[in-house]
Amino acid sequence: MIIFTKHAENKFEILKKHKFLITKKQVLKTVEKPELINKSRLPLLIAQRKIDRDRVLLVVYKNGRN
């Protein structure tokens, strides 16, 4: 089960105001199939995935199984 925090929900709205749309589907894909995972902030994980030629989506999350 994936739960989006209030911070994440607010971030979607902020980006939308700047005409940069990120969907929950993109976030889920980044977590499920990341191109890279940064573990330097354990227990938080930072999944990374390219969204276009110039931009990378970073998703900070905690694995609830641990």
PDB file of N, CA and C in Angstrom:
ATOM      1  N   MET A   1       0.839  -1.172   0.000  1.00  0.00           N
ATOM      2  CA  MET A   1       0.000   0.000   0.000  1.00  0.00           C
ATOM      3  C   MET A   1       0.893   1.248   0.000  1.00  0.00           C
ATOM      4  N   ILE A   2       0.585   2.167  -0.862  1.00  0.00           N
ATOM      5  CA  ILE A   2       1.342   3.414  -0.953  1.00  0.00           C
ATOM      6  C   ILE A   2       0.445   4.559  -0.502  1.00  0.00           C
ATOM      7  N   ILE A   3       0.970   5.342   0.431  1.00  0.00           N
ATOM      8  CA  ILE A   3       0.225   6.479   0.974  1.00  0.00           C
ATOM      9  C   ILE A   3       0.978   7.757   0.604  1.00  0.00           C
ATOM     10  N   PHE A   4       0.275   8.682  -0.031  1.00  0.00           N
ATOM     11  CA  PHE A   4       0.859   9.973  -0.364  1.00  0.00           C
ATOM     12  C   PHE A   4       0.659  10.914   0.820  1.00  0.00           C
ATOM     13  N   THR A   5       1.740  11.509   1.291  1.00  0.00           N
ATOM     14  CA  THR A   5       1.658  12.429   2.427  1.00  0.00           C
ATOM     15  C   THR A   5       1.018  13.750   1.991  1.00  0.00           C
ATOM     16  N   LYS A   6       0.664  14.539   2.970  1.00  0.00           N
ATOM     17  CA  LYS A   6       0.120  15.874   2.694  1.00  0.00           C
ATOM     18  C   LYS A   6       1.155  16.703   1.929  1.00  0.00           C
ATOM     19  N   HIS A   7       2.417  16.558   2.297  1.00  0.00           N
ATOM     20  CA  HIS A   7       3.497  17.267   1.601  1.00  0.00           C
ATOM     21  C   HIS A   7       3.505  16.894   0.116  1.00  0.00           C
ATOM     22  N   ALA A   8       3.381  15.622  -0.184  1.00  0.00           N
ATOM     23  CA  ALA A   8       3.362  15.167  -1.581  1.00  0.00           C
ATOM     24  C   ALA A   8       2.151  15.727  -2.314  1.00  0.00           C
ATOM     25  N   GLU A   9       0.998  15.685  -1.688  1.00  0.00           N
ATOM     26  CA  GLU A   9      -0.221  16.211  -2.312  1.00  0.00           C
ATOM     27  C   GLU A   9      -0.063  17.708  -2.606  1.00  0.00           C
ATOM     28  N   ASN A  10       0.526  18.436  -1.659  1.00  0.00           N
ATOM     29  CA  ASN A  10       0.765  19.863  -1.870  1.00  0.00           C
ATOM     30  C   ASN A  10       1.748  20.100  -3.011  1.00  0.00           C
ATOM     31  N   LYS A  11       2.741  19.250  -3.120  1.00  0.00           N
ATOM     32  CA  LYS A  11       3.751  19.391  -4.173  1.00  0.00           C
ATOM     33  C   LYS A  11       3.126  19.248  -5.560  1.00  0.00           C
ATOM     34  N   PHE A  12       2.172  18.327  -5.703  1.00  0.00           N
ATOM     35  CA  PHE A  12       1.464  18.184  -6.979  1.00  0.00           C
ATOM     36  C   PHE A  12       0.802  19.506  -7.363  1.00  0.00           C
ATOM     37  N   GLU A  13       0.177  20.158  -6.383  1.00  0.00           N
ATOM     38  CA  GLU A  13      -0.516  21.423  -6.642  1.00  0.00           C
ATOM     39  C   GLU A  13       0.455  22.553  -6.974  1.00  0.00           C
ATOM     40  N   ILE A  14       1.560  22.617  -6.262  1.00  0.00           N
ATOM     41  CA  ILE A  14       2.572  23.650  -6.532  1.00  0.00           C
ATOM     42  C   ILE A  14       3.123  23.493  -7.946  1.00  0.00           C
ATOM     43  N   LEU A  15       3.459  22.274  -8.314  1.00  0.00           N
ATOM     44  CA  LEU A  15       3.996  22.031  -9.657  1.00  0.00           C
ATOM     45  C   LEU A  15       2.963  22.347 -10.734  1.00  0.00           C
ATOM     46  N   LYS A  16       1.712  22.035 -10.459  1.00  0.00           N
ATOM     47  CA  LYS A  16       0.627  22.318 -11.399  1.00  0.00           C
ATOM     48  C   LYS A  16       0.515  23.821 -11.659  1.00  0.00           C
ATOM     49  N   LYS A  17       0.661  24.630 -10.615  1.00  0.00           N
ATOM     50  CA  LYS A  17       0.604  26.087 -10.754  1.00  0.00           C
ATOM     51  C   LYS A  17       1.730  26.607 -11.645  1.00  0.00           C
ATOM     52  N   HIS A  18       2.838  25.872 -11.669  1.00  0.00           N
ATOM     53  CA  HIS A  18       3.981  26.240 -12.506  1.00  0.00           C
ATOM     54  C   HIS A  18       3.927  25.558 -13.874  1.00  0.00           C
ATOM     55  N   LYS A  19       2.766  24.952 -14.157  1.00  0.00           N
ATOM     56  CA  LYS A  19       2.526  24.265 -15.432  1.00  0.00           C
ATOM     57  C   LYS A  19       3.506  23.116 -15.682  1.00  0.00           C
ATOM     58  N   PHE A  20       3.877  22.450 -14.589  1.00  0.00           N
ATOM     59  CA  PHE A  20       4.726  21.266 -14.667  1.00  0.00           C
ATOM     60  C   PHE A  20       3.957  20.129 -14.004  1.00  0.00           C
ATOM     61  N   LEU A  21       3.353  19.302 -14.820  1.00  0.00           N
ATOM     62  CA  LEU A  21       2.464  18.266 -14.300  1.00  0.00           C
ATOM     63  C   LEU A  21       3.205  16.955 -14.040  1.00  0.00           C
ATOM     64  N   ILE A  22       3.098  16.506 -12.824  1.00  0.00           N
ATOM     65  CA  ILE A  22       3.591  15.191 -12.415  1.00  0.00           C
ATOM     66  C   ILE A  22       2.378  14.436 -11.908  1.00  0.00           C
ATOM     67  N   THR A  23       2.225  13.208 -12.362  1.00  0.00           N
ATOM     68  CA  THR A  23       1.073  12.413 -11.953  1.00  0.00           C
ATOM     69  C   THR A  23       1.461  11.405 -10.870  1.00  0.00           C
ATOM     70  N   LYS A  24       0.454  10.949 -10.167  1.00  0.00           N
ATOM     71  CA  LYS A  24       0.697   9.895  -9.184  1.00  0.00           C
ATOM     72  C   LYS A  24       1.205   8.638  -9.879  1.00  0.00           C
ATOM     73  N   LYS A  25       0.743   8.415 -11.090  1.00  0.00           N
ATOM     74  CA  LYS A  25       1.197   7.256 -11.860  1.00  0.00           C
ATOM     75  C   LYS A  25       2.709   7.336 -12.110  1.00  0.00           C
ATOM     76  N   GLN A  26       3.219   8.540 -12.421  1.00  0.00           N
ATOM     77  CA  GLN A  26       4.657   8.717 -12.623  1.00  0.00           C
ATOM     78  C   GLN A  26       5.422   8.457 -11.324  1.00  0.00           C
ATOM     79  N   VAL A  27       4.867   8.916 -10.221  1.00  0.00           N
ATOM     80  CA  VAL A  27       5.514   8.699  -8.925  1.00  0.00           C
ATOM     81  C   VAL A  27       5.552   7.203  -8.604  1.00  0.00           C
ATOM     82  N   LEU A  28       4.438   6.533  -8.810  1.00  0.00           N
ATOM     83  CA  LEU A  28       4.389   5.093  -8.540  1.00  0.00           C
ATOM     84  C   LEU A  28       5.364   4.332  -9.421  1.00  0.00           C
ATOM     85  N   LYS A  29       5.452   4.683 -10.692  1.00  0.00           N
ATOM     86  CA  LYS A  29       6.385   4.021 -11.606  1.00  0.00           C
ATOM     87  C   LYS A  29       7.830   4.236 -11.150  1.00  0.00           C
ATOM     88  N   THR A  30       8.107   5.448 -10.648  1.00  0.00           N
ATOM     89  CA  THR A  30       9.453   5.757 -10.164  1.00  0.00           C
ATOM     90  C   THR A  30       9.810   4.898  -8.960  1.00  0.00           C
ATOM     91  N   VAL A  31       8.864   4.685  -8.072  1.00  0.00           N
ATOM     92  CA  VAL A  31       9.112   3.858  -6.882  1.00  0.00           C
ATOM     93  C   VAL A  31       9.198   2.377  -7.263  1.00  0.00           C
ATOM     94  N   GLU A  32       8.324   1.941  -8.153  1.00  0.00           N
ATOM     95  CA  GLU A  32       8.272   0.526  -8.522  1.00  0.00           C
ATOM     96  C   GLU A  32       9.403   0.105  -9.463  1.00  0.00           C
ATOM     97  N   LYS A  33       9.821   1.001 -10.354  1.00  0.00           N
ATOM     98  CA  LYS A  33      10.867   0.679 -11.326  1.00  0.00           C
ATOM     99  C   LYS A  33      11.852   1.836 -11.450  1.00  0.00           C
ATOM    100  N   PRO A  34      12.574   2.128 -10.377  1.00  0.00           N
ATOM    101  CA  PRO A  34      13.516   3.249 -10.411  1.00  0.00           C
ATOM    102  C   PRO A  34      14.724   2.937 -11.294  1.00  0.00           C
ATOM    103  N   GLU A  35      15.306   3.987 -11.848  1.00  0.00           N
ATOM    104  CA  GLU A  35      16.563   3.827 -12.581  1.00  0.00           C
ATOM    105  C   GLU A  35      17.731   3.811 -11.598  1.00  0.00           C
ATOM    106  N   LEU A  36      17.510   4.420 -10.436  1.00  0.00           N
ATOM    107  CA  LEU A  36      18.536   4.495  -9.405  1.00  0.00           C
ATOM    108  C   LEU A  36      17.857   4.676  -8.057  1.00  0.00           C
ATOM    109  N   ILE A  37      18.423   4.081  -7.012  1.00  0.00           N
ATOM    110  CA  ILE A  37      17.933   4.301  -5.648  1.00  0.00           C
ATOM    111  C   ILE A  37      19.099   4.794  -4.804  1.00  0.00           C
ATOM    112  N   ASN A  38      18.898   5.956  -4.187  1.00  0.00           N
ATOM    113  CA  ASN A  38      19.883   6.538  -3.295  1.00  0.00           C
ATOM    114  C   ASN A  38      19.505   6.133  -1.874  1.00  0.00           C
ATOM    115  N   LYS A  39      20.433   5.496  -1.164  1.00  0.00           N
ATOM    116  CA  LYS A  39      20.175   5.025   0.199  1.00  0.00           C
ATOM    117  C   LYS A  39      20.947   5.829   1.235  1.00  0.00           C
ATOM    118  N   SER A  40      21.427   7.001   0.854  1.00  0.00           N
ATOM    119  CA  SER A  40      22.261   7.797   1.750  1.00  0.00           C
ATOM    120  C   SER A  40      21.495   8.402   2.921  1.00  0.00           C
ATOM    121  N   ARG A  41      20.164   8.387   2.870  1.00  0.00           N
ATOM    122  CA  ARG A  41      19.357   8.980   3.952  1.00  0.00           C
ATOM    123  C   ARG A  41      18.501   7.926   4.653  1.00  0.00           C
ATOM    124  N   LEU A  42      19.008   6.701   4.742  1.00  0.00           N
ATOM    125  CA  LEU A  42      18.253   5.626   5.390  1.00  0.00           C
ATOM    126  C   LEU A  42      17.710   6.080   6.733  1.00  0.00           C
ATOM    127  N   PRO A  43      16.498   5.745   7.106  1.00  0.00           N
ATOM    128  CA  PRO A  43      15.610   4.765   6.490  1.00  0.00           C
ATOM    129  C   PRO A  43      14.838   5.285   5.273  1.00  0.00           C
ATOM    130  N   LEU A  44      15.066   6.550   4.886  1.00  0.00           N
ATOM    131  CA  LEU A  44      14.409   7.062   3.690  1.00  0.00           C
ATOM    132  C   LEU A  44      15.161   6.605   2.450  1.00  0.00           C
ATOM    133  N   LEU A  45      14.417   6.320   1.411  1.00  0.00           N
ATOM    134  CA  LEU A  45      14.988   5.942   0.125  1.00  0.00           C
ATOM    135  C   LEU A  45      14.610   7.023  -0.878  1.00  0.00           C
ATOM    136  N   ILE A  46      15.488   7.261  -1.852  1.00  0.00           N
ATOM    137  CA  ILE A  46      15.206   8.251  -2.881  1.00  0.00           C
ATOM    138  C   ILE A  46      15.291   7.553  -4.232  1.00  0.00           C
ATOM    139  N   ALA A  47      14.118   7.332  -4.828  1.00  0.00           N
ATOM    140  CA  ALA A  47      14.048   6.683  -6.139  1.00  0.00           C
ATOM    141  C   ALA A  47      14.169   7.756  -7.211  1.00  0.00           C
ATOM    142  N   GLN A  48      14.871   7.412  -8.285  1.00  0.00           N
ATOM    143  CA  GLN A  48      15.103   8.377  -9.354  1.00  0.00           C
ATOM    144  C   GLN A  48      14.741   7.762 -10.698  1.00  0.00           C
ATOM    145  N   ARG A  49      14.109   8.595 -11.559  1.00  0.00           N
ATOM    146  CA  ARG A  49      13.738   8.152 -12.899  1.00  0.00           C
ATOM    147  C   ARG A  49      13.637   9.371 -13.807  1.00  0.00           C
ATOM    148  N   LYS A  50      14.196   9.263 -14.995  1.00  0.00           N
ATOM    149  CA  LYS A  50      14.096  10.346 -15.972  1.00  0.00           C
ATOM    150  C   LYS A  50      12.651  10.516 -16.413  1.00  0.00           C
ATOM    151  N   ILE A  51      12.216  11.793 -16.537  1.00  0.00           N
ATOM    152  CA  ILE A  51      10.867  12.029 -17.049  1.00  0.00           C
ATOM    153  C   ILE A  51      10.908  12.685 -18.425  1.00  0.00           C
ATOM    154  N   ASP A  52      12.035  13.294 -18.758  1.00  0.00           N
ATOM    155  CA  ASP A  52      12.264  13.771 -20.116  1.00  0.00           C
ATOM    156  C   ASP A  52      13.770  13.982 -20.279  1.00  0.00           C
ATOM    157  N   ARG A  53      14.139  14.599 -21.374  1.00  0.00           N
ATOM    158  CA  ARG A  53      15.561  14.742 -21.687  1.00  0.00           C
ATOM    159  C   ARG A  53      16.322  15.561 -20.649  1.00  0.00           C
ATOM    160  N   ASP A  54      15.645  16.515 -20.020  1.00  0.00           N
ATOM    161  CA  ASP A  54      16.309  17.440 -19.105  1.00  0.00           C
ATOM    162  C   ASP A  54      15.939  17.289 -17.638  1.00  0.00           C
ATOM    163  N   ARG A  55      14.953  16.465 -17.333  1.00  0.00           N
ATOM    164  CA  ARG A  55      14.450  16.412 -15.958  1.00  0.00           C
ATOM    165  C   ARG A  55      14.441  14.989 -15.394  1.00  0.00           C
ATOM    166  N   VAL A  56      14.648  14.951 -14.082  1.00  0.00           N
ATOM    167  CA  VAL A  56      14.633  13.691 -13.342  1.00  0.00           C
ATOM    168  C   VAL A  56      13.634  13.842 -12.202  1.00  0.00           C
ATOM    169  N   LEU A  57      12.828  12.820 -11.997  1.00  0.00           N
ATOM    170  CA  LEU A  57      11.890  12.812 -10.877  1.00  0.00           C
ATOM    171  C   LEU A  57      12.545  12.069  -9.718  1.00  0.00           C
ATOM    172  N   LEU A  58      12.590  12.726  -8.559  1.00  0.00           N
ATOM    173  CA  LEU A  58      13.099  12.106  -7.329  1.00  0.00           C
ATOM    174  C   LEU A  58      11.923  11.903  -6.395  1.00  0.00           C
ATOM    175  N   VAL A  59      11.791  10.704  -5.875  1.00  0.00           N
ATOM    176  CA  VAL A  59      10.704  10.386  -4.948  1.00  0.00           C
ATOM    177  C   VAL A  59      11.319   9.876  -3.656  1.00  0.00           C
ATOM    178  N   VAL A  60      11.067  10.608  -2.586  1.00  0.00           N
ATOM    179  CA  VAL A  60      11.566  10.212  -1.266  1.00  0.00           C
ATOM    180  C   VAL A  60      10.473   9.390  -0.592  1.00  0.00           C
ATOM    181  N   TYR A  61      10.851   8.205  -0.125  1.00  0.00           N
ATOM    182  CA  TYR A  61       9.851   7.347   0.506  1.00  0.00           C
ATOM    183  C   TYR A  61      10.497   6.463   1.556  1.00  0.00           C
ATOM    184  N   LYS A  62       9.639   5.844   2.355  1.00  0.00           N
ATOM    185  CA  LYS A  62      10.086   4.897   3.372  1.00  0.00           C
ATOM    186  C   LYS A  62       9.376   3.587   3.100  1.00  0.00           C
ATOM    187  N   ASN A  63      10.129   2.523   3.106  1.00  0.00           N
ATOM    188  CA  ASN A  63       9.562   1.197   2.883  1.00  0.00           C
ATOM    189  C   ASN A  63       8.954   0.727   4.199  1.00  0.00           C
ATOM    190  N   GLY A  64       7.649   0.559   4.212  1.00  0.00           N
ATOM    191  CA  GLY A  64       6.935   0.170   5.425  1.00  0.00           C
ATOM    192  C   GLY A  64       7.199  -1.258   5.870  1.00  0.00           C
ATOM    193  N   ARG A  65       7.847  -2.040   5.026  1.00  0.00           N
ATOM    194  CA  ARG A  65       8.128  -3.447   5.385  1.00  0.00           C
ATOM    195  C   ARG A  65       9.282  -3.575   6.344  1.00  0.00           C
ATOM    196  N   ASN A  66      10.077  -2.520   6.502  1.00  0.00           N
ATOM    197  CA  ASN A  66      11.250  -2.605   7.388  1.00  0.00           C
ATOM    198  C   ASN A  66      10.927  -2.140   8.779  1.00  0.00           C
TER     199      ASN A  66
END
